[in-house]
Amino acid sequence: MNRPLEGVKVLDLTRVMAGPFCTMVLADLGADVVKVEPPEGDDSRRFTPIVEGESAYFASINRNKKSIVVDLKRPSGQEVVRRLARVSDVVIENFRPGVAKRLGVSYEDLSPLNPSLIYCSITGFGQTGVYSQKPGYDLIALAMSGMMDLTGEPEGEPVKFAVPIADIAAGTFAAISILAALLERLKSGKGAFIDVSMLDVMLYLLTHQASSFLLAGEVPRRMGSAHPSIVPYQAFRASDGYIIVAVANDPQWQRLCGALGIPELSEDDRFRTNSDRVRNRKQLIELLSSVFAKRTVTEWVKELEQADVPVAPVRSVKDVLTDPYLEERMMVERVPHPKLKEVLQLAFPAIISGSRPNVRSPPPTLGQHTYEVLRSLGYSDAEVEALKLEGAVK
């Protein structure tokens, strides 16, 4: 299978979501990732649901990695990480600013050992600035970015995303930045320090919502599933569920009106163009809602697809994960697991040169590879046992 990062060695000092998502992306692309966990393990190992002692949350973002347990509060544990840094291409951590320095594993500590090292730090608010010491939780970044204020129904409360989008996006941009640094290193031979802020990433993702204010002085507002610039482009309630209608241009609008049995609406001066529809959004949505409520989701999807109008049912996660599409696109892999017999894993979401980077190994059990990795660093059996007795490794 395709492994473009094969041979790249990654030292993973991260936990929970943002960092592990980043290192999973690199691991999926073929990098050799060693995940260093504290004696109690990554916090996410205790997140529910838990099956046979293994967390589904942890399993979702830690495949293709090796797990070793190292106590970074002990000097001998810090020495293990220094040895790993000497033979690594990339180090990634998501400690609060200052913690890595206290543990002796900061960029300033490790870079002299390996001048070509690429060191990436993922935090809630970056290494500098007035917010740098705030805790880096997804929900905090979501709230501070304005993104949460834009999410939810117009008259309802602000709500979080269904997935930790600030964590995931930060991990994704960290991976992109690391890949860019690896490419630059091929030319310069030099390492790099990468500072990724979850808040910065969420601001970047504001895109057109930010421009509405920066260029036009308009303050975006919560609109539920609706779009600020395109109408109708939102969810509608059918008689037995919800559908999404995404009318992005006037020809689609005309076809929608025909499929709904109200062709005269497309010629109504209030709704003729998208600008008209945005201006008269409230009246139009009320009219369309009364029509959509008369038939089922299945009936409307069939009708609108035949009319070449963008439409989709609002599906549950169960509906999605049992769709034959996943098998056709090979988006789910069955991976043997030492405790669970096998785990189902969502595949890497891109096909490269005709194949997907595959899931080579399941999410590791805690400390599964400690002995293997220490031996590869030159520790003797006696030295490993001494470290275990000391509590520096497990």
Protein backbone atom coordinates (compact mmCIF):
# COMPACT_ATOMS: atom_id res chain seq x y z
CA MET A 1 0.00 0.00 0.00
CA ASN A 2 1.03 3.62 -0.49
CA ARG A 3 3.36 4.93 2.28
CA PRO A 4 4.87 8.25 1.13
CA LEU A 5 6.30 9.00 4.61
CA GLU A 6 7.94 5.62 5.07
CA GLY A 7 11.27 6.12 6.85
CA VAL A 8 10.20 9.32 8.62
CA LYS A 9 10.53 8.85 12.39
CA VAL A 10 8.09 10.71 14.64
CA LEU A 11 8.37 11.11 18.41
CA ASP A 12 4.83 11.65 19.71
CA LEU A 13 4.53 13.30 23.14
CA THR A 14 0.85 14.18 22.68
CA ARG A 15 -2.39 13.07 24.23
CA VAL A 16 -6.19 13.23 23.86
CA MET A 17 -7.14 14.61 20.39
CA ALA A 18 -5.29 17.44 18.60
CA GLY A 19 -1.79 15.94 18.82
CA PRO A 20 -2.81 12.29 18.37
CA PHE A 21 -4.92 13.23 15.32
CA CYS A 22 -1.85 14.89 13.79
CA THR A 23 0.41 11.91 14.48
CA MET A 24 -2.24 9.50 13.15
CA VAL A 25 -2.27 11.40 9.85
CA LEU A 26 1.52 11.07 9.64
CA ALA A 27 1.37 7.41 10.69
CA ASP A 28 -1.32 6.64 8.10
CA LEU A 29 0.98 8.12 5.47
CA GLY A 30 3.71 5.69 6.51
CA ALA A 31 5.69 7.49 9.23
CA ASP A 32 7.10 5.41 12.10
CA VAL A 33 5.39 6.96 15.15
CA VAL A 34 6.46 6.21 18.72
CA LYS A 35 3.80 7.41 21.16
CA VAL A 36 5.22 8.22 24.60
CA GLU A 37 2.58 7.87 27.33
CA PRO A 38 2.76 8.61 31.06
CA PRO A 39 2.41 5.67 33.48
CA GLU A 40 -1.36 6.17 33.68
CA GLY A 41 -1.64 6.34 29.89
CA ASP A 42 -3.14 8.90 27.53
CA ASP A 43 -6.18 10.49 29.21
CA SER A 44 -8.36 9.38 26.30
CA ARG A 45 -7.80 5.71 27.22
CA ARG A 46 -10.38 6.34 29.94
CA PHE A 47 -12.99 8.05 27.73
CA THR A 48 -16.20 6.10 27.14
CA PRO A 49 -17.41 3.94 25.50
CA ILE A 50 -14.95 1.30 26.71
CA VAL A 51 -14.98 -2.25 25.31
CA GLU A 52 -12.95 -4.96 27.07
CA GLY A 53 -10.90 -2.24 28.74
CA GLU A 54 -10.16 -0.40 25.47
CA SER A 55 -11.53 3.07 24.70
CA ALA A 56 -13.30 3.64 21.38
CA TYR A 57 -12.20 7.29 21.56
CA PHE A 58 -8.53 6.34 21.91
CA ALA A 59 -8.88 3.73 19.17
CA SER A 60 -10.20 6.33 16.72
CA ILE A 61 -6.93 8.31 16.53
CA ASN A 62 -4.04 6.07 17.59
CA ARG A 63 -3.65 3.29 15.03
CA ASN A 64 -0.37 2.69 13.20
CA LYS A 65 1.63 3.79 16.28
CA LYS A 66 3.86 2.17 18.87
CA SER A 67 3.16 2.86 22.55
CA ILE A 68 5.85 3.15 25.18
CA VAL A 69 5.33 4.24 28.79
CA VAL A 70 7.86 6.76 30.12
CA ASP A 71 7.65 8.88 33.26
CA LEU A 72 8.95 12.26 32.11
CA LYS A 73 9.11 13.49 35.70
CA ARG A 74 12.12 11.22 36.24
CA PRO A 75 15.54 12.16 34.82
CA SER A 76 16.03 8.64 33.45
CA GLY A 77 12.67 8.93 31.67
CA GLN A 78 13.74 12.23 30.14
CA GLU A 79 16.91 10.52 28.92
CA VAL A 80 14.79 7.96 27.06
CA VAL A 81 13.07 10.81 25.21
CA ARG A 82 16.40 12.47 24.45
CA ARG A 83 17.67 9.24 22.90
CA LEU A 84 14.51 9.02 20.82
CA ALA A 85 14.90 12.66 19.73
CA ARG A 86 18.43 11.97 18.47
CA VAL A 87 17.08 9.44 15.95
CA SER A 88 13.78 11.17 15.12
CA ASP A 89 12.85 13.50 12.28
CA VAL A 90 9.86 15.06 14.03
CA VAL A 91 8.81 15.70 17.63
CA ILE A 92 5.23 16.69 18.42
CA GLU A 93 3.86 17.77 21.80
CA ASN A 94 0.70 19.48 23.03
CA PHE A 95 1.67 20.56 26.54
CA ARG A 96 0.68 23.97 27.85
CA PRO A 97 3.51 26.49 27.13
CA GLY A 98 6.34 26.01 29.62
CA VAL A 99 5.54 22.41 30.57
CA ALA A 100 7.84 20.84 27.97
CA LYS A 101 10.68 23.01 29.29
CA ARG A 102 10.03 21.88 32.87
CA LEU A 103 10.10 18.26 31.70
CA GLY A 104 13.35 18.75 29.80
CA VAL A 105 11.81 17.94 26.38
CA SER A 106 11.37 21.41 24.86
CA TYR A 107 12.72 22.47 21.47
CA GLU A 108 15.61 24.19 23.23
CA ASP A 109 16.42 20.93 25.03
CA LEU A 110 16.16 18.58 22.05
CA SER A 111 17.27 20.64 19.05
CA PRO A 112 20.97 20.73 20.08
CA LEU A 113 20.92 16.92 20.10
CA ASN A 114 19.58 16.84 16.53
CA PRO A 115 19.88 20.13 14.58
CA SER A 116 17.71 18.79 11.73
CA LEU A 117 14.83 18.05 14.12
CA ILE A 118 11.39 19.42 13.26
CA TYR A 119 9.61 20.23 16.51
CA CYS A 120 5.89 20.98 16.51
CA SER A 121 4.01 22.34 19.52
CA ILE A 122 0.19 22.38 19.48
CA THR A 123 -1.45 24.55 22.12
CA GLY A 124 -4.75 26.26 22.67
CA PHE A 125 -3.46 29.79 22.12
CA GLY A 126 0.15 29.60 20.95
CA GLN A 127 3.48 30.19 22.64
CA THR A 128 3.04 33.97 22.89
CA GLY A 129 0.30 36.48 23.56
CA VAL A 130 -2.09 37.32 26.37
CA TYR A 131 -3.97 34.01 26.10
CA SER A 132 -0.95 31.69 25.93
CA GLN A 133 -1.49 30.24 29.41
CA LYS A 134 -5.19 29.53 28.97
CA PRO A 135 -6.02 25.79 28.92
CA GLY A 136 -6.10 24.41 25.39
CA TYR A 137 -9.43 22.62 25.27
CA ASP A 138 -11.45 22.28 22.09
CA LEU A 139 -14.54 23.88 23.62
CA ILE A 140 -12.53 26.85 24.90
CA ALA A 141 -11.02 27.52 21.46
CA LEU A 142 -14.43 27.07 19.85
CA ALA A 143 -15.97 29.66 22.13
CA MET A 144 -13.06 32.12 21.89
CA SER A 145 -12.95 31.96 18.08
CA GLY A 146 -16.50 33.15 17.46
CA MET A 147 -17.26 29.84 15.77
CA MET A 148 -19.53 28.67 18.59
CA ASP A 149 -21.51 31.92 18.44
CA LEU A 150 -22.22 31.13 14.79
CA THR A 151 -23.37 27.56 15.47
CA GLY A 152 -26.95 26.76 16.43
CA GLU A 153 -30.44 28.02 15.67
CA PRO A 154 -30.99 31.80 15.35
CA GLU A 155 -33.01 32.10 18.56
CA GLY A 156 -31.32 29.20 20.34
CA GLU A 157 -28.21 28.81 22.44
CA PRO A 158 -24.73 28.58 20.90
CA VAL A 159 -23.75 24.92 20.51
CA LYS A 160 -20.56 22.93 20.03
CA PHE A 161 -19.71 20.91 16.95
CA ALA A 162 -20.52 17.19 17.10
CA VAL A 163 -16.79 16.43 16.86
CA PRO A 164 -13.94 18.40 18.50
CA ILE A 165 -13.38 20.47 15.39
CA ALA A 166 -10.80 22.83 16.92
CA ASP A 167 -8.68 19.85 17.99
CA ILE A 168 -9.05 18.07 14.67
CA ALA A 169 -8.36 21.16 12.58
CA ALA A 170 -5.32 22.04 14.69
CA GLY A 171 -3.99 18.51 14.24
CA THR A 172 -4.58 18.71 10.49
CA PHE A 173 -2.76 22.04 10.12
CA ALA A 174 0.05 20.75 12.31
CA ALA A 175 0.47 17.81 9.93
CA ILE A 176 0.44 20.15 6.92
CA SER A 177 3.05 22.38 8.54
CA ILE A 178 5.24 19.38 9.40
CA LEU A 179 5.08 18.14 5.82
CA ALA A 180 6.08 21.61 4.61
CA ALA A 181 8.99 21.66 7.07
CA LEU A 182 10.15 18.23 5.90
CA LEU A 183 10.14 19.50 2.33
CA GLU A 184 12.08 22.62 3.30
CA ARG A 185 14.60 20.48 5.19
CA LEU A 186 15.39 18.61 1.98
CA LYS A 187 16.63 21.94 0.59
CA SER A 188 18.24 23.53 3.65
CA GLY A 189 19.11 20.57 5.87
CA LYS A 190 17.79 22.56 8.82
CA GLY A 191 15.12 21.70 11.35
CA ALA A 192 12.29 23.95 12.44
CA PHE A 193 10.07 24.95 15.34
CA ILE A 194 6.35 24.97 14.53
CA ASP A 195 3.91 26.83 16.81
CA VAL A 196 0.29 25.78 16.15
CA SER A 197 -2.50 27.56 18.04
CA MET A 198 -5.99 26.07 18.07
CA LEU A 199 -7.45 29.57 18.19
CA ASP A 200 -5.37 30.67 15.19
CA VAL A 201 -6.60 27.65 13.25
CA MET A 202 -10.25 28.35 14.08
CA LEU A 203 -9.82 31.98 13.02
CA TYR A 204 -8.39 30.72 9.72
CA LEU A 205 -11.48 28.54 9.28
CA LEU A 206 -13.83 31.49 9.73
CA THR A 207 -13.09 32.33 6.06
CA HIS A 208 -16.12 34.11 4.53
CA GLN A 209 -17.67 34.76 7.93
CA ALA A 210 -14.58 36.74 8.95
CA SER A 211 -14.54 38.60 5.63
CA SER A 212 -18.15 39.65 6.14
CA PHE A 213 -16.93 41.72 9.06
CA LEU A 214 -13.40 42.63 7.90
CA LEU A 215 -14.47 43.84 4.45
CA ALA A 216 -18.16 44.72 4.79
CA GLY A 217 -18.50 45.52 8.48
CA GLU A 218 -21.32 42.99 8.85
CA VAL A 219 -21.44 40.91 12.02
CA PRO A 220 -22.33 37.28 11.12
CA ARG A 221 -25.10 35.67 13.14
CA ARG A 222 -26.35 32.20 13.98
CA MET A 223 -28.51 30.79 11.20
CA GLY A 224 -28.95 27.10 12.03
CA SER A 225 -28.46 25.10 8.84
CA ALA A 226 -29.09 28.12 6.59
CA HIS A 227 -26.47 29.97 4.54
CA PRO A 228 -25.94 33.73 4.92
CA SER A 229 -25.45 34.31 1.17
CA ILE A 230 -27.47 31.59 -0.61
CA VAL A 231 -31.22 30.82 -0.38
CA PRO A 232 -32.66 28.18 -0.18
CA TYR A 233 -29.62 26.36 1.18
CA GLN A 234 -30.64 24.62 4.42
CA ALA A 235 -32.55 21.83 6.13
CA PHE A 236 -36.29 21.41 5.75
CA ARG A 237 -38.60 19.18 7.75
CA ALA A 238 -40.38 16.53 5.66
CA SER A 239 -43.26 14.50 7.07
CA ASP A 240 -40.92 11.91 8.62
CA GLY A 241 -37.52 13.57 8.97
CA TYR A 242 -35.23 16.20 7.50
CA ILE A 243 -33.72 16.87 4.10
CA ILE A 244 -31.08 19.31 2.93
CA VAL A 245 -31.74 21.40 -0.16
CA ALA A 246 -28.75 23.24 -1.61
CA VAL A 247 -29.91 25.58 -4.40
CA ALA A 248 -26.74 27.42 -5.38
CA ASN A 249 -27.91 29.21 -8.55
CA ASP A 250 -31.01 30.46 -10.33
CA PRO A 251 -31.42 27.54 -12.81
CA GLN A 252 -31.48 25.16 -9.84
CA TRP A 253 -34.08 27.40 -8.21
CA GLN A 254 -36.29 27.15 -11.27
CA ARG A 255 -35.97 23.35 -11.30
CA LEU A 256 -36.77 23.20 -7.59
CA CYS A 257 -39.98 25.17 -8.09
CA GLY A 258 -40.99 22.85 -10.91
CA ALA A 259 -40.32 19.73 -8.82
CA LEU A 260 -42.32 21.17 -5.92
CA GLY A 261 -45.28 21.84 -8.19
CA ILE A 262 -45.08 25.62 -7.75
CA PRO A 263 -43.33 26.80 -10.95
CA GLU A 264 -44.91 30.24 -10.61
CA LEU A 265 -42.75 30.90 -7.53
CA SER A 266 -39.63 31.06 -9.69
CA GLU A 267 -41.10 34.05 -11.53
CA ASP A 268 -42.23 35.84 -8.39
CA ASP A 269 -40.35 39.17 -8.21
CA ARG A 270 -39.59 38.52 -4.55
CA PHE A 271 -37.68 35.34 -5.35
CA ARG A 272 -36.52 35.55 -8.97
CA THR A 273 -32.78 35.88 -8.25
CA ASN A 274 -30.62 34.72 -5.35
CA SER A 275 -30.28 38.32 -4.16
CA ASP A 276 -34.08 38.56 -4.12
CA ARG A 277 -34.32 35.31 -2.19
CA VAL A 278 -31.75 36.41 0.39
CA ARG A 279 -33.61 39.68 0.86
CA ASN A 280 -36.96 37.91 1.28
CA ARG A 281 -35.62 34.85 3.04
CA LYS A 282 -38.26 34.67 5.80
CA GLN A 283 -41.29 34.66 3.47
CA LEU A 284 -39.69 32.16 1.10
CA ILE A 285 -38.65 29.67 3.80
CA GLU A 286 -42.15 29.75 5.27
CA LEU A 287 -43.64 28.94 1.85
CA LEU A 288 -41.17 26.13 1.12
CA SER A 289 -41.49 24.64 4.61
CA SER A 290 -45.23 24.20 4.19
CA VAL A 291 -44.65 22.32 0.93
CA PHE A 292 -41.87 20.06 2.19
CA ALA A 293 -43.91 19.01 5.22
CA LYS A 294 -46.44 17.24 2.97
CA ARG A 295 -44.23 14.34 1.80
CA THR A 296 -41.61 11.94 3.17
CA VAL A 297 -37.85 12.27 3.03
CA THR A 298 -37.59 9.39 0.54
CA GLU A 299 -40.22 10.90 -1.74
CA TRP A 300 -38.62 14.32 -1.79
CA VAL A 301 -35.11 12.99 -2.34
CA LYS A 302 -36.29 10.95 -5.33
CA GLU A 303 -38.30 13.85 -6.76
CA LEU A 304 -35.55 16.43 -6.44
CA GLU A 305 -32.79 14.15 -7.67
CA GLN A 306 -34.83 13.48 -10.80
CA ALA A 307 -35.09 17.25 -11.26
CA ASP A 308 -31.30 17.64 -10.80
CA VAL A 309 -31.68 19.69 -7.63
CA PRO A 310 -28.97 19.16 -4.98
CA VAL A 311 -30.67 17.30 -2.14
CA ALA A 312 -29.78 14.84 0.63
CA PRO A 313 -31.43 13.19 3.60
CA VAL A 314 -30.11 14.13 7.04
CA ARG A 315 -28.76 10.76 8.13
CA SER A 316 -27.78 9.28 11.46
CA VAL A 317 -24.24 8.02 12.09
CA LYS A 318 -25.64 4.47 11.95
CA ASP A 319 -27.14 5.18 8.53
CA VAL A 320 -23.82 6.52 7.29
CA LEU A 321 -21.63 3.71 8.62
CA THR A 322 -23.90 1.00 7.17
CA ASP A 323 -24.02 2.61 3.72
CA PRO A 324 -22.61 0.36 0.92
CA TYR A 325 -20.64 3.43 -0.18
CA LEU A 326 -18.10 2.77 2.57
CA GLU A 327 -17.39 -0.71 1.25
CA GLU A 328 -17.27 0.48 -2.36
CA ARG A 329 -14.74 3.15 -1.42
CA MET A 330 -12.89 0.85 1.02
CA MET A 331 -13.40 3.40 3.79
CA VAL A 332 -13.54 0.84 6.63
CA GLU A 333 -10.76 -1.60 7.48
CA ARG A 334 -10.84 -4.61 9.82
CA VAL A 335 -7.64 -4.72 11.84
CA PRO A 336 -6.55 -7.56 14.19
CA HIS A 337 -6.25 -6.44 17.83
CA PRO A 338 -4.43 -8.24 20.69
CA LYS A 339 -7.39 -7.86 23.09
CA LEU A 340 -10.49 -7.27 20.94
CA LYS A 341 -9.72 -9.79 18.17
CA GLU A 342 -10.31 -7.02 15.63
CA VAL A 343 -11.25 -3.34 15.45
CA LEU A 344 -13.02 -1.51 12.63
CA GLN A 345 -11.16 1.61 11.54
CA LEU A 346 -12.10 4.39 9.15
CA ALA A 347 -9.50 4.55 6.39
CA PHE A 348 -7.33 7.49 5.36
CA PRO A 349 -9.57 9.78 3.26
CA ALA A 350 -7.48 10.02 0.10
CA ILE A 351 -6.38 7.65 -2.64
CA ILE A 352 -2.76 8.26 -3.64
CA SER A 353 -1.50 6.82 -6.91
CA GLY A 354 -4.37 4.37 -7.02
CA SER A 355 -4.35 3.11 -3.42
CA ARG A 356 -5.21 4.26 0.10
CA PRO A 357 -2.56 4.34 2.80
CA ASN A 358 -3.61 1.33 4.85
CA VAL A 359 -4.05 0.66 8.55
CA ARG A 360 -0.92 -1.36 9.30
CA SER A 361 -1.44 -1.91 13.01
CA PRO A 362 -4.27 -1.44 15.53
CA PRO A 363 -4.32 1.18 18.28
CA PRO A 364 -1.62 -0.04 20.70
CA THR A 365 -2.28 -1.27 24.20
CA LEU A 366 -0.60 0.81 26.90
CA GLY A 367 3.16 0.32 26.80
CA GLN A 368 2.87 -2.47 24.23
CA HIS A 369 6.14 -1.51 22.52
CA THR A 370 8.20 -0.20 25.44
CA TYR A 371 10.67 -3.09 25.45
CA GLU A 372 10.98 -3.15 21.63
CA VAL A 373 11.67 0.58 21.36
CA LEU A 374 14.14 0.69 24.27
CA ARG A 375 16.09 -2.20 22.78
CA SER A 376 16.23 -0.33 19.45
CA LEU A 377 17.77 2.64 21.30
CA GLY A 378 20.60 0.48 22.64
CA TYR A 379 19.28 -0.24 26.14
CA SER A 380 20.35 -3.66 27.41
CA ASP A 381 17.93 -6.06 29.09
CA ALA A 382 19.48 -5.18 32.44
CA GLU A 383 19.09 -1.45 31.80
CA VAL A 384 15.45 -1.92 30.81
CA GLU A 385 14.78 -3.85 34.01
CA ALA A 386 16.50 -1.13 36.05
CA LEU A 387 14.30 1.52 34.42
CA LYS A 388 11.21 -0.57 35.16
CA LEU A 389 12.18 -1.03 38.81
CA GLU A 390 12.79 2.70 39.11
CA GLY A 391 9.35 3.41 37.62
CA ALA A 392 10.82 5.40 34.72
CA VAL A 393 9.24 3.08 32.13
CA LYS A 394 6.47 0.48 32.07
